[in-house]
Protein backbone atom coordinates (compact mmCIF):
# COMPACT_ATOMS: atom_id res chain seq x y z
CA MET A 1 111.21 82.90 86.29
CA THR A 2 107.30 81.42 86.55
CA GLN A 3 107.01 79.03 89.31
CA PRO A 4 106.13 75.34 87.63
CA SER A 5 102.65 75.32 90.09
CA HIS A 6 101.20 78.40 88.38
CA ARG A 7 103.10 78.02 85.26
CA SER A 8 99.80 76.10 83.02
CA LEU A 9 97.71 79.42 84.94
CA ALA A 10 100.64 81.63 83.39
CA GLN A 11 99.32 80.38 80.32
CA ARG A 12 95.43 80.56 81.17
CA LEU A 13 95.94 84.07 81.16
CA GLN A 14 97.48 84.64 77.74
CA GLY A 15 99.21 87.65 78.33
CA LEU A 16 96.24 89.40 80.22
CA ASN A 17 96.63 91.45 82.65
CA LEU A 18 95.81 91.72 85.86
CA TYR A 19 94.33 95.26 87.47
CA LEU A 20 94.48 95.16 91.28
CA VAL A 21 92.29 97.99 92.43
CA GLY A 22 91.07 99.67 95.89
CA MET A 23 90.98 101.89 98.48
CA MET A 24 94.23 103.47 99.36
CA GLY A 25 96.21 101.37 102.07
CA THR A 26 94.40 97.82 100.86
CA GLY A 27 98.15 96.42 99.91
CA LYS A 28 98.25 97.01 96.26
CA SER A 29 101.52 96.99 95.84
CA ALA A 30 102.66 95.01 98.10
CA VAL A 31 100.46 92.38 97.24
CA ALA A 32 101.17 92.61 93.14
CA GLN A 33 104.79 91.86 93.85
CA PRO A 34 104.43 88.14 94.97
CA LEU A 35 101.56 87.93 92.53
CA ALA A 36 104.50 89.19 89.14
CA ASP A 37 106.82 86.94 90.43
CA ALA A 38 103.91 83.67 90.98
CA LEU A 39 103.05 84.46 87.48
CA GLY A 40 106.43 85.32 86.16
CA TYR A 41 104.56 88.74 85.49
CA ARG A 42 106.21 92.68 85.32
CA LEU A 43 104.83 94.14 87.79
CA VAL A 44 103.87 97.93 87.14
CA ASP A 45 102.79 100.41 89.64
CA ALA A 46 100.61 102.77 88.18
CA ASP A 47 101.07 106.05 90.41
CA HIS A 48 104.55 105.73 90.51
CA THR A 49 104.74 105.19 86.64
CA LEU A 50 102.88 109.38 86.48
CA GLU A 51 105.29 109.90 89.33
CA THR A 52 108.23 109.77 86.96
CA ALA A 53 106.18 110.92 83.78
CA ALA A 54 105.51 113.94 84.92
CA GLY A 55 108.60 114.86 86.78
CA ARG A 56 106.68 114.74 90.19
CA SER A 57 104.97 113.40 93.66
CA ILE A 58 101.26 113.07 93.60
CA ALA A 59 100.81 115.36 95.70
CA GLU A 60 102.38 118.76 94.25
CA ILE A 61 100.62 117.78 91.11
CA PHE A 62 97.15 117.93 93.53
CA ALA A 63 98.77 121.00 95.34
CA ALA A 64 99.26 122.68 92.31
CA ASP A 65 96.74 121.62 89.47
CA GLY A 66 94.12 119.65 91.30
CA GLU A 67 92.33 116.49 91.87
CA ALA A 68 90.58 116.59 87.69
CA SER A 69 94.32 117.42 86.13
CA PHE A 70 95.83 114.10 88.66
CA ARG A 71 92.48 112.24 87.27
CA ALA A 72 93.78 113.06 83.23
CA LEU A 73 97.19 112.31 83.62
CA GLU A 74 96.15 108.78 85.75
CA THR A 75 93.87 108.27 82.87
CA ALA A 76 96.89 109.10 80.30
CA VAL A 77 98.95 106.55 81.77
CA LEU A 78 96.41 103.83 82.06
CA ASP A 79 96.17 103.92 78.32
CA GLN A 80 99.86 103.81 77.76
CA ILE A 81 100.33 100.71 80.45
CA ALA A 82 96.64 98.86 79.01
CA SER A 83 99.35 99.02 75.54
CA TRP A 84 101.27 96.23 77.30
CA HIS A 85 100.99 92.55 77.78
CA SER A 86 101.85 90.44 81.07
CA LEU A 87 101.75 92.66 84.28
CA VAL A 88 100.25 93.06 87.66
CA VAL A 89 99.20 96.04 87.62
CA ALA A 90 98.82 98.05 91.34
CA THR A 91 96.82 100.92 90.32
CA GLY A 92 95.99 103.69 92.19
CA GLY A 93 92.67 104.09 94.68
CA GLY A 94 90.91 106.37 92.56
CA VAL A 95 91.64 105.27 89.33
CA VAL A 96 88.11 103.05 89.10
CA THR A 97 86.17 107.13 88.74
CA ARG A 98 86.74 107.66 85.30
CA PRO A 99 83.97 105.59 83.27
CA GLU A 100 86.84 105.34 80.58
CA ASN A 101 89.36 103.54 82.60
CA TRP A 102 87.22 101.06 82.75
CA GLY A 103 87.93 100.43 79.25
CA HIS A 104 91.67 99.48 79.49
CA LEU A 105 90.75 97.55 83.35
CA ARG A 106 88.36 95.59 81.50
CA GLN A 107 91.41 95.09 79.00
CA GLY A 108 91.69 92.71 81.45
CA VAL A 109 91.60 91.32 84.39
CA VAL A 110 90.38 93.09 88.07
CA VAL A 111 90.53 92.60 91.14
CA TRP A 112 89.28 94.52 94.01
CA LEU A 113 91.59 94.31 97.24
CA ASP A 114 88.89 95.14 100.00
CA ALA A 115 89.56 95.25 104.18
CA PRO A 116 87.68 96.36 106.41
CA THR A 117 87.59 100.73 107.41
CA GLU A 118 89.53 99.62 110.64
CA LEU A 119 93.02 97.86 108.85
CA LEU A 120 92.54 100.59 106.22
CA LEU A 121 92.60 103.82 109.11
CA GLN A 122 95.10 101.49 110.45
CA ARG A 123 97.17 101.30 107.80
CA LEU A 124 97.40 104.88 106.62
CA MET A 125 97.94 106.44 109.68
CA GLY A 126 101.08 105.03 110.33
CA ASP A 127 102.15 105.47 106.61
CA ALA A 128 103.93 108.38 106.01
CA THR A 129 103.11 108.61 102.10
CA PRO A 130 100.97 111.92 101.59
CA ARG A 131 97.74 111.11 100.72
CA PRO A 132 96.15 114.03 99.06
CA LEU A 133 93.09 112.71 99.78
CA LEU A 134 92.97 112.04 103.45
CA ASP A 135 94.22 115.72 104.48
CA HIS A 136 91.05 116.44 105.95
CA PRO A 137 90.73 117.71 109.72
CA ASP A 138 88.88 113.74 110.33
CA PRO A 139 90.91 111.30 108.09
CA ALA A 140 88.50 108.03 109.04
CA ALA A 141 85.42 110.39 108.19
CA ARG A 142 86.77 111.62 104.93
CA LEU A 143 87.71 107.81 104.58
CA THR A 144 84.23 106.09 104.78
CA LYS A 145 83.15 108.98 102.21
CA LEU A 146 85.00 108.17 99.36
CA LEU A 147 84.42 104.08 100.68
CA SER A 148 80.75 104.42 100.21
CA GLU A 149 81.17 106.24 97.39
CA ARG A 150 84.72 104.21 95.80
CA GLN A 151 82.38 100.64 96.60
CA PRO A 152 79.57 100.52 94.22
CA LEU A 153 82.56 100.66 91.56
CA TYR A 154 85.24 98.43 92.92
CA ALA A 155 82.47 95.61 92.41
CA GLN A 156 82.10 95.71 88.86
CA ALA A 157 85.58 94.20 89.48
CA ASP A 158 85.95 89.96 87.75
CA LEU A 159 87.13 89.01 91.38
CA ARG A 160 86.91 91.01 95.14
CA ILE A 161 89.77 89.43 98.15
CA CYS A 162 88.89 90.15 101.18
CA GLN A 163 91.72 90.35 103.12
CA GLN A 164 91.39 90.64 107.63
CA GLY A 165 95.65 91.76 107.35
CA GLU A 166 96.94 88.92 106.12
CA PRO A 167 100.98 89.09 104.43
CA PRO A 168 100.62 89.85 100.82
CA GLU A 169 102.26 86.57 100.07
CA GLN A 170 99.06 84.83 101.69
CA VAL A 171 96.83 87.51 99.61
CA ALA A 172 98.41 87.12 96.41
CA GLN A 173 97.84 83.44 96.96
CA GLN A 174 94.31 83.49 97.33
CA VAL A 175 93.90 85.19 94.27
CA LEU A 176 96.32 82.95 92.17
CA GLU A 177 93.60 80.08 93.48
CA ALA A 178 90.30 82.33 92.75
CA LEU A 179 91.56 83.32 89.21
CA PRO A 180 90.65 79.91 87.41
CA SER A 181 87.46 80.43 88.17
CA ILE A 182 87.55 83.95 86.85
CA LEU A 183 89.01 82.21 83.62
CA LYS A 184 86.45 80.24 83.06
CA GLN A 185 83.89 83.44 84.23
CA LYS A 186 84.95 85.98 81.61
CA ALA A 187 85.20 82.59 79.09
CA GLU A 188 81.67 82.24 79.92
CA ALA A 189 80.73 86.39 80.23
CA PRO A 190 78.73 86.39 83.07
CA ALA A 191 76.15 88.24 83.99
CA GLU A 192 76.73 92.04 84.16
CA GLY A 193 77.46 93.33 88.21
CA SER A 194 78.97 89.65 88.74
CA VAL A 195 81.15 89.47 91.06
CA LEU A 196 83.39 86.52 92.74
CA LEU A 197 83.95 86.72 95.92
CA ARG A 198 86.99 84.46 97.77
CA ASN A 199 86.85 85.54 101.70
CA ALA A 200 89.79 84.84 104.27
CA GLU A 201 88.26 81.12 104.57
CA GLY A 202 89.64 80.74 100.83
CA ALA A 203 85.61 80.22 100.05
CA ILE A 204 84.27 81.63 96.97
CA THR A 205 80.80 82.45 96.10
CA GLN A 206 79.05 84.73 93.52
CA SER A 207 77.70 88.46 94.52
CA LEU A 208 75.14 90.61 92.92
CA ASN A 209 77.09 94.37 93.96
């Protein structure tokens, strides 16, 4: 049920999906749950949806068919998800790498969950989930390379949430507090490439990344 403090925000969203993007290890799935609960939205984990549709794990898809086939499946799943409404969608870390995916993401509000490389590596090394893109002799170097390639793409999001290891509920609250400004900016058609930033102290600034 939508919490009273966020009912008006849910009404302002008018069913727009929220897409959480960001590198693996940023906690997209963990943050998506309290965010969905607060808005009375449904939660969709895009990677889990893909695995269910394919009948195989992501690691198995990568091993058998390669990354290109996985990305094609990811786009097909996102196409289906975009036809629904009132969702908080935890996306895969590489969803931003295909331009066609942005056509779907832009139908909603795109939120970039960002975190320092050290925090990401710590989380990923402590997670038993197979990460095909980190199956590398030097995972830290591989993660750094992926981040450098993807950060300009993540920066196309409507909102960037900078975190330093806060609990998912606290990060979700940062998103909720920032959304009214995002909705106003979208209504006023902000300049191409602009992104609003909310730091760990809660201050909102604008960057031209």
